[in-house]
Amino acid sequence: MKNSNKIIFLYDELMTKEYQQIMRIPIKLLSVGLVNAKLYFYNDTKTKRKFIIPNKKKASSVVFGGIFLLKNYDEYKLHIHSFYNNEAML
């Protein structure tokens, strides 16, 4: 079986141990980080979520988060995508 460990950037609640344990994701914090991006809030009456849109150019807007090692990425990537409502930029 091929090693599918990946380094990923996470922001918002999924950075916390509490949410990682709830979702049962085998993840380890490597460092804090940031990405040139804008953080957007989407809110209809049923759903309230945050998502980022990366900007490859230097920008004054940054989103702070964590750089994590996710073990068995292929197995857990859908858990993360579902948490971010398929808006995550992994």
C-alpha atoms as a PDB file:
ATOM      1  CA  MET A   1       0.000   0.000   0.000  1.00  0.00           C
ATOM      2  CA  LYS A   2       1.348   3.383  -1.016  1.00  0.00           C
ATOM      3  CA  ASN A   3       2.040   6.072   1.601  1.00  0.00           C
ATOM      4  CA  SER A   4      -0.630   8.740   1.206  1.00  0.00           C
ATOM      5  CA  ASN A   5       0.481  11.192   3.892  1.00  0.00           C
ATOM      6  CA  LYS A   6       0.057  14.836   2.828  1.00  0.00           C
ATOM      7  CA  ILE A   7       0.878  18.238   4.232  1.00  0.00           C
ATOM      8  CA  ILE A   8      -2.217  20.426   4.202  1.00  0.00           C
ATOM      9  CA  PHE A   9      -3.245  23.936   5.250  1.00  0.00           C
ATOM     10  CA  LEU A  10      -6.304  24.244   7.494  1.00  0.00           C
ATOM     11  CA  TYR A  11      -8.055  27.261   8.923  1.00  0.00           C
ATOM     12  CA  ASP A  12     -11.099  27.896  11.098  1.00  0.00           C
ATOM     13  CA  GLU A  13     -12.461  25.389  13.631  1.00  0.00           C
ATOM     14  CA  LEU A  14     -10.797  22.359  12.056  1.00  0.00           C
ATOM     15  CA  MET A  15      -7.487  23.672  13.429  1.00  0.00           C
ATOM     16  CA  THR A  16      -8.626  22.818  16.963  1.00  0.00           C
ATOM     17  CA  LYS A  17      -8.028  19.490  18.693  1.00  0.00           C
ATOM     18  CA  GLU A  18     -11.709  19.359  19.638  1.00  0.00           C
ATOM     19  CA  TYR A  19     -12.922  19.307  16.030  1.00  0.00           C
ATOM     20  CA  GLN A  20     -10.130  16.978  14.926  1.00  0.00           C
ATOM     21  CA  GLN A  21     -11.193  14.471  17.592  1.00  0.00           C
ATOM     22  CA  ILE A  22     -14.876  14.797  16.681  1.00  0.00           C
ATOM     23  CA  MET A  23     -14.065  14.071  13.030  1.00  0.00           C
ATOM     24  CA  ARG A  24     -11.508  11.369  14.008  1.00  0.00           C
ATOM     25  CA  ILE A  25      -8.859  12.719  11.657  1.00  0.00           C
ATOM     26  CA  PRO A  26      -5.264  11.464  12.212  1.00  0.00           C
ATOM     27  CA  ILE A  27      -3.585  14.828  11.949  1.00  0.00           C
ATOM     28  CA  LYS A  28      -0.508  16.459  13.477  1.00  0.00           C
ATOM     29  CA  LEU A  29       0.297  20.165  13.680  1.00  0.00           C
ATOM     30  CA  LEU A  30       3.637  20.978  12.061  1.00  0.00           C
ATOM     31  CA  SER A  31       3.553  24.783  12.123  1.00  0.00           C
ATOM     32  CA  VAL A  32       1.349  27.812  11.988  1.00  0.00           C
ATOM     33  CA  GLY A  33       1.068  29.451   8.608  1.00  0.00           C
ATOM     34  CA  LEU A  34      -0.706  31.933   6.427  1.00  0.00           C
ATOM     35  CA  VAL A  35      -1.865  32.158   2.851  1.00  0.00           C
ATOM     36  CA  ASN A  36      -2.515  35.160   0.604  1.00  0.00           C
ATOM     37  CA  ALA A  37      -6.273  34.910   0.363  1.00  0.00           C
ATOM     38  CA  LYS A  38      -9.557  36.480   1.306  1.00  0.00           C
ATOM     39  CA  LEU A  39     -11.841  34.919   3.880  1.00  0.00           C
ATOM     40  CA  TYR A  40     -15.498  34.968   2.886  1.00  0.00           C
ATOM     41  CA  PHE A  41     -18.561  34.254   4.982  1.00  0.00           C
ATOM     42  CA  TYR A  42     -21.564  32.566   3.404  1.00  0.00           C
ATOM     43  CA  ASN A  43     -24.743  32.704   5.410  1.00  0.00           C
ATOM     44  CA  ASP A  44     -28.172  31.620   4.326  1.00  0.00           C
ATOM     45  CA  THR A  45     -30.780  30.693   6.891  1.00  0.00           C
ATOM     46  CA  LYS A  46     -29.696  27.027   6.923  1.00  0.00           C
ATOM     47  CA  THR A  47     -25.925  27.202   6.610  1.00  0.00           C
ATOM     48  CA  LYS A  48     -23.247  29.449   8.037  1.00  0.00           C
ATOM     49  CA  ARG A  49     -19.742  28.745   6.762  1.00  0.00           C
ATOM     50  CA  LYS A  50     -16.415  30.337   6.001  1.00  0.00           C
ATOM     51  CA  PHE A  51     -14.263  29.710   2.969  1.00  0.00           C
ATOM     52  CA  ILE A  52     -11.129  31.171   1.446  1.00  0.00           C
ATOM     53  CA  ILE A  53     -10.224  32.108  -2.083  1.00  0.00           C
ATOM     54  CA  PRO A  54      -6.435  32.077  -2.547  1.00  0.00           C
ATOM     55  CA  ASN A  55      -4.721  34.929  -4.364  1.00  0.00           C
ATOM     56  CA  LYS A  56      -1.435  34.055  -6.082  1.00  0.00           C
ATOM     57  CA  LYS A  57      -0.348  37.690  -6.195  1.00  0.00           C
ATOM     58  CA  LYS A  58       0.903  39.465  -3.122  1.00  0.00           C
ATOM     59  CA  ALA A  59      -2.128  40.764  -1.322  1.00  0.00           C
ATOM     60  CA  SER A  60      -2.867  42.709   1.801  1.00  0.00           C
ATOM     61  CA  SER A  61      -5.374  40.036   2.818  1.00  0.00           C
ATOM     62  CA  VAL A  62      -4.062  36.948   4.544  1.00  0.00           C
ATOM     63  CA  VAL A  63      -5.732  34.005   6.226  1.00  0.00           C
ATOM     64  CA  PHE A  64      -3.957  32.491   9.200  1.00  0.00           C
ATOM     65  CA  GLY A  65      -4.114  28.777   9.763  1.00  0.00           C
ATOM     66  CA  GLY A  66      -2.094  25.707  10.499  1.00  0.00           C
ATOM     67  CA  ILE A  67       0.129  23.444   8.447  1.00  0.00           C
ATOM     68  CA  PHE A  68      -0.688  19.845   9.300  1.00  0.00           C
ATOM     69  CA  LEU A  69       0.498  16.377   8.399  1.00  0.00           C
ATOM     70  CA  LEU A  70      -2.553  14.291   7.502  1.00  0.00           C
ATOM     71  CA  LYS A  71      -1.914  10.556   7.604  1.00  0.00           C
ATOM     72  CA  ASN A  72      -3.794   8.440   5.057  1.00  0.00           C
ATOM     73  CA  TYR A  73      -4.915  11.468   3.048  1.00  0.00           C
ATOM     74  CA  ASP A  74      -6.748   9.330   0.502  1.00  0.00           C
ATOM     75  CA  GLU A  75      -8.918   7.891   3.253  1.00  0.00           C
ATOM     76  CA  TYR A  76      -9.676  11.164   5.088  1.00  0.00           C
ATOM     77  CA  LYS A  77      -9.769  13.821   2.344  1.00  0.00           C
ATOM     78  CA  LEU A  78     -13.547  13.573   2.004  1.00  0.00           C
ATOM     79  CA  HIS A  79     -13.973  14.189   5.747  1.00  0.00           C
ATOM     80  CA  ILE A  80     -12.135  17.483   5.368  1.00  0.00           C
ATOM     81  CA  HIS A  81     -13.957  18.465   2.189  1.00  0.00           C
ATOM     82  CA  SER A  82     -17.305  17.752   3.819  1.00  0.00           C
ATOM     83  CA  PHE A  83     -16.334  19.846   6.856  1.00  0.00           C
ATOM     84  CA  TYR A  84     -15.628  22.814   4.600  1.00  0.00           C
ATOM     85  CA  ASN A  85     -18.695  22.035   2.457  1.00  0.00           C
ATOM     86  CA  ASN A  86     -16.498  21.187  -0.529  1.00  0.00           C
ATOM     87  CA  GLU A  87     -15.103  24.726  -0.514  1.00  0.00           C
ATOM     88  CA  ALA A  88     -11.687  23.787   0.891  1.00  0.00           C
ATOM     89  CA  MET A  89      -8.612  24.580  -1.155  1.00  0.00           C
ATOM     90  CA  LEU A  90      -6.356  21.717  -0.174  1.00  0.00           C
END
